[in-house]
C-alpha atoms as a PDB file:
ATOM      1  CA  MET A   1     107.101  97.883 197.339  1.00  0.00           C
ATOM      2  CA  HIS A   2     110.262  96.540 196.700  1.00  0.00           C
ATOM      3  CA  ARG A   3     111.992  99.428 198.679  1.00  0.00           C
ATOM      4  CA  ALA A   4     109.644  98.740 201.510  1.00  0.00           C
ATOM      5  CA  ALA A   5     110.883  95.049 201.719  1.00  0.00           C
ATOM      6  CA  THR A   6     114.593  96.210 201.450  1.00  0.00           C
ATOM      7  CA  HIS A   7     113.825  98.445 204.501  1.00  0.00           C
ATOM      8  CA  GLY A   8     112.212  95.775 206.336  1.00  0.00           C
ATOM      9  CA  ILE A   9     108.578  97.366 206.392  1.00  0.00           C
ATOM     10  CA  MET A  10     107.168  94.753 204.533  1.00  0.00           C
ATOM     11  CA  PRO A  11     107.943  91.072 204.146  1.00  0.00           C
ATOM     12  CA  MET A  12     110.374  90.149 200.971  1.00  0.00           C
ATOM     13  CA  GLN A  13     108.066  87.444 199.619  1.00  0.00           C
ATOM     14  CA  MET A  14     105.618  90.464 198.994  1.00  0.00           C
ATOM     15  CA  SER A  15     107.853  92.059 196.554  1.00  0.00           C
ATOM     16  CA  TYR A  16     109.229  90.877 193.274  1.00  0.00           C
ATOM     17  CA  SER A  17     112.229  89.792 195.206  1.00  0.00           C
ATOM     18  CA  GLY A  18     110.124  87.377 196.381  1.00  0.00           C
ATOM     19  CA  TYR A  19     106.745  86.183 194.670  1.00  0.00           C
ATOM     20  CA  ASN A  20     104.967  89.421 193.704  1.00  0.00           C
ATOM     21  CA  PHE A  21     105.135  89.394 189.896  1.00  0.00           C
ATOM     22  CA  ASP A  22     102.053  91.602 189.102  1.00  0.00           C
ATOM     23  CA  VAL A  23     104.571  94.283 188.195  1.00  0.00           C
ATOM     24  CA  ILE A  24     104.983  92.213 184.821  1.00  0.00           C
ATOM     25  CA  SER A  25     101.318  93.152 183.767  1.00  0.00           C
ATOM     26  CA  GLY A  26     101.807  96.827 184.348  1.00  0.00           C
ATOM     27  CA  ALA A  27     104.939  96.968 182.321  1.00  0.00           C
ATOM     28  CA  LEU A  28     103.527  94.957 179.675  1.00  0.00           C
ATOM     29  CA  ALA A  29     100.416  96.931 179.358  1.00  0.00           C
ATOM     30  CA  LEU A  30     101.599  99.615 176.704  1.00  0.00           C
ATOM     31  CA  PRO A  31     103.236  97.218 174.636  1.00  0.00           C
ATOM     32  CA  VAL A  32     100.492  94.792 174.620  1.00  0.00           C
ATOM     33  CA  ALA A  33      98.029  97.650 173.722  1.00  0.00           C
ATOM     34  CA  TRP A  34     100.541  98.760 170.892  1.00  0.00           C
ATOM     35  CA  ALA A  35     100.594  95.230 169.677  1.00  0.00           C
ATOM     36  CA  ALA A  36      96.994  94.675 169.850  1.00  0.00           C
ATOM     37  CA  SER A  37      95.939  97.602 168.190  1.00  0.00           C
ATOM     38  CA  ARG A  38      98.062  96.853 165.157  1.00  0.00           C
ATOM     39  CA  SER A  39      97.424  92.991 164.914  1.00  0.00           C
ATOM     40  CA  ARG A  40      94.635  90.889 163.594  1.00  0.00           C
ATOM     41  CA  GLN A  41      95.035  89.052 166.604  1.00  0.00           C
ATOM     42  CA  GLY A  42      94.717  92.039 168.705  1.00  0.00           C
ATOM     43  CA  ARG A  43      91.886  90.554 171.096  1.00  0.00           C
ATOM     44  CA  VAL A  44      93.640  87.097 171.745  1.00  0.00           C
ATOM     45  CA  TYR A  45      96.870  89.580 172.955  1.00  0.00           C
ATOM     46  CA  ALA A  46      94.417  91.509 175.080  1.00  0.00           C
ATOM     47  CA  TRP A  47      92.700  88.268 176.475  1.00  0.00           C
ATOM     48  CA  ILE A  48      95.878  86.698 177.199  1.00  0.00           C
ATOM     49  CA  TRP A  49      97.384  89.568 178.882  1.00  0.00           C
ATOM     50  CA  ASN A  50      94.362  90.207 180.989  1.00  0.00           C
ATOM     51  CA  LEU A  51      94.358  86.850 182.046  1.00  0.00           C
ATOM     52  CA  ALA A  52      97.670  86.853 183.047  1.00  0.00           C
ATOM     53  CA  GLY A  53      97.526  89.846 184.928  1.00  0.00           C
ATOM     54  CA  LEU A  54      94.600  88.484 186.944  1.00  0.00           C
ATOM     55  CA  VAL A  55      96.594  85.200 188.009  1.00  0.00           C
ATOM     56  CA  LEU A  56      99.253  87.265 189.041  1.00  0.00           C
ATOM     57  CA  LEU A  57      97.035  89.606 191.054  1.00  0.00           C
ATOM     58  CA  ALA A  58      95.587  86.653 192.688  1.00  0.00           C
ATOM     59  CA  ASN A  59      99.057  85.316 193.271  1.00  0.00           C
ATOM     60  CA  ILE A  60      99.779  88.285 195.498  1.00  0.00           C
ATOM     61  CA  VAL A  61      96.670  88.087 197.178  1.00  0.00           C
ATOM     62  CA  VAL A  62      97.124  84.682 198.240  1.00  0.00           C
ATOM     63  CA  ILE A  63     100.871  85.436 199.196  1.00  0.00           C
ATOM     64  CA  ALA A  64      99.463  88.399 201.508  1.00  0.00           C
ATOM     65  CA  VAL A  65      96.733  86.154 203.163  1.00  0.00           C
ATOM     66  CA  ILE A  66      99.001  83.235 203.842  1.00  0.00           C
ATOM     67  CA  SER A  67     101.592  85.807 205.424  1.00  0.00           C
ATOM     68  CA  MET A  68      98.945  87.139 207.547  1.00  0.00           C
ATOM     69  CA  PRO A  69     100.041  86.265 211.524  1.00  0.00           C
ATOM     70  CA  SER A  70      97.074  83.611 211.574  1.00  0.00           C
ATOM     71  CA  ILE A  71      98.810  81.593 209.245  1.00  0.00           C
ATOM     72  CA  ALA A  72     102.232  82.746 208.926  1.00  0.00           C
ATOM     73  CA  ALA A  73     103.421  80.682 206.099  1.00  0.00           C
ATOM     74  CA  PHE A  74     106.657  82.133 205.677  1.00  0.00           C
ATOM     75  CA  GLY A  75     107.425  81.949 209.099  1.00  0.00           C
ATOM     76  CA  PRO A  76     107.131  84.513 212.365  1.00  0.00           C
ATOM     77  CA  GLU A  77     109.585  86.933 210.817  1.00  0.00           C
ATOM     78  CA  ASN A  78     107.871  87.485 207.519  1.00  0.00           C
ATOM     79  CA  LEU A  79     104.449  88.358 208.553  1.00  0.00           C
ATOM     80  CA  ASN A  80     101.939  90.641 206.684  1.00  0.00           C
ATOM     81  CA  THR A  81     101.114  93.176 209.374  1.00  0.00           C
ATOM     82  CA  TRP A  82     102.145  96.406 207.486  1.00  0.00           C
ATOM     83  CA  VAL A  83      99.200  97.143 205.492  1.00  0.00           C
ATOM     84  CA  ALA A  84      97.329  97.835 208.935  1.00  0.00           C
ATOM     85  CA  ASP A  85      99.353 100.952 208.986  1.00  0.00           C
ATOM     86  CA  PRO A  86      98.860 104.273 206.844  1.00  0.00           C
ATOM     87  CA  PRO A  87      99.642 104.883 204.067  1.00  0.00           C
ATOM     88  CA  TYR A  88      99.690 101.128 203.306  1.00  0.00           C
ATOM     89  CA  ILE A  89      96.098 100.334 204.169  1.00  0.00           C
ATOM     90  CA  TRP A  90      95.328 101.722 200.687  1.00  0.00           C
ATOM     91  CA  LEU A  91      96.867  98.742 199.126  1.00  0.00           C
ATOM     92  CA  PRO A  92      94.585  96.106 200.161  1.00  0.00           C
ATOM     93  CA  GLY A  93      91.370  98.548 200.858  1.00  0.00           C
ATOM     94  CA  VAL A  94      91.576 100.362 197.550  1.00  0.00           C
ATOM     95  CA  LEU A  95      94.137  99.391 195.084  1.00  0.00           C
ATOM     96  CA  VAL A  96      93.923  95.689 195.017  1.00  0.00           C
ATOM     97  CA  PRO A  97      89.897  96.201 194.457  1.00  0.00           C
ATOM     98  CA  CYS A  98      90.448  98.772 191.770  1.00  0.00           C
ATOM     99  CA  ALA A  99      92.811  96.315 190.072  1.00  0.00           C
ATOM    100  CA  LEU A 100      90.613  93.537 190.083  1.00  0.00           C
ATOM    101  CA  LEU A 101      87.860  96.000 188.909  1.00  0.00           C
ATOM    102  CA  GLY A 102      89.923  96.984 185.941  1.00  0.00           C
ATOM    103  CA  HIS A 103      90.580  93.365 184.901  1.00  0.00           C
ATOM    104  CA  LEU A 104      86.777  92.553 184.860  1.00  0.00           C
ATOM    105  CA  LEU A 105      85.995  95.496 182.920  1.00  0.00           C
ATOM    106  CA  VAL A 106      88.682  94.478 180.289  1.00  0.00           C
ATOM    107  CA  PHE A 107      87.086  91.081 180.301  1.00  0.00           C
ATOM    108  CA  ARG A 108      83.763  92.769 180.051  1.00  0.00           C
ATOM    109  CA  ALA A 109      84.852  95.121 176.952  1.00  0.00           C
ATOM    110  CA  LEU A 110      86.452  91.859 175.400  1.00  0.00           C
ATOM    111  CA  ARG A 111      83.354  89.771 175.506  1.00  0.00           C
ATOM    112  CA  ARG A 112      81.640  92.129 173.281  1.00  0.00           C
ATOM    113  CA  ARG A 113      81.128  91.196 169.601  1.00  0.00           C
ATOM    114  CA  THR A 114      82.415  94.572 168.311  1.00  0.00           C
ATOM    115  CA  PRO A 115      85.986  95.487 168.426  1.00  0.00           C
END
């Protein structure tokens, strides 16, 4: 996505050079899983990581919505219209709902009493 922003395909506010920091949750997934499996507070780490990931996902969804032409919060030169074209349609149509489902499934697993 960063490359798409630098090539002018996607508005910059939707990359990590702008306001999209959900790459942090992906980058921290393995280190948090490793730490959680070796610590007594493992479930706490997983809760914090998953909550932070959900907040970061919500952040980029809000940025994407307010970047649409009907709102254009970042100006007419930074419109979110690129997701209507293939192959980018997969982002809002499949990948974002899958990310949300993943976070919800992690919350569901963490609610169980047994580890």
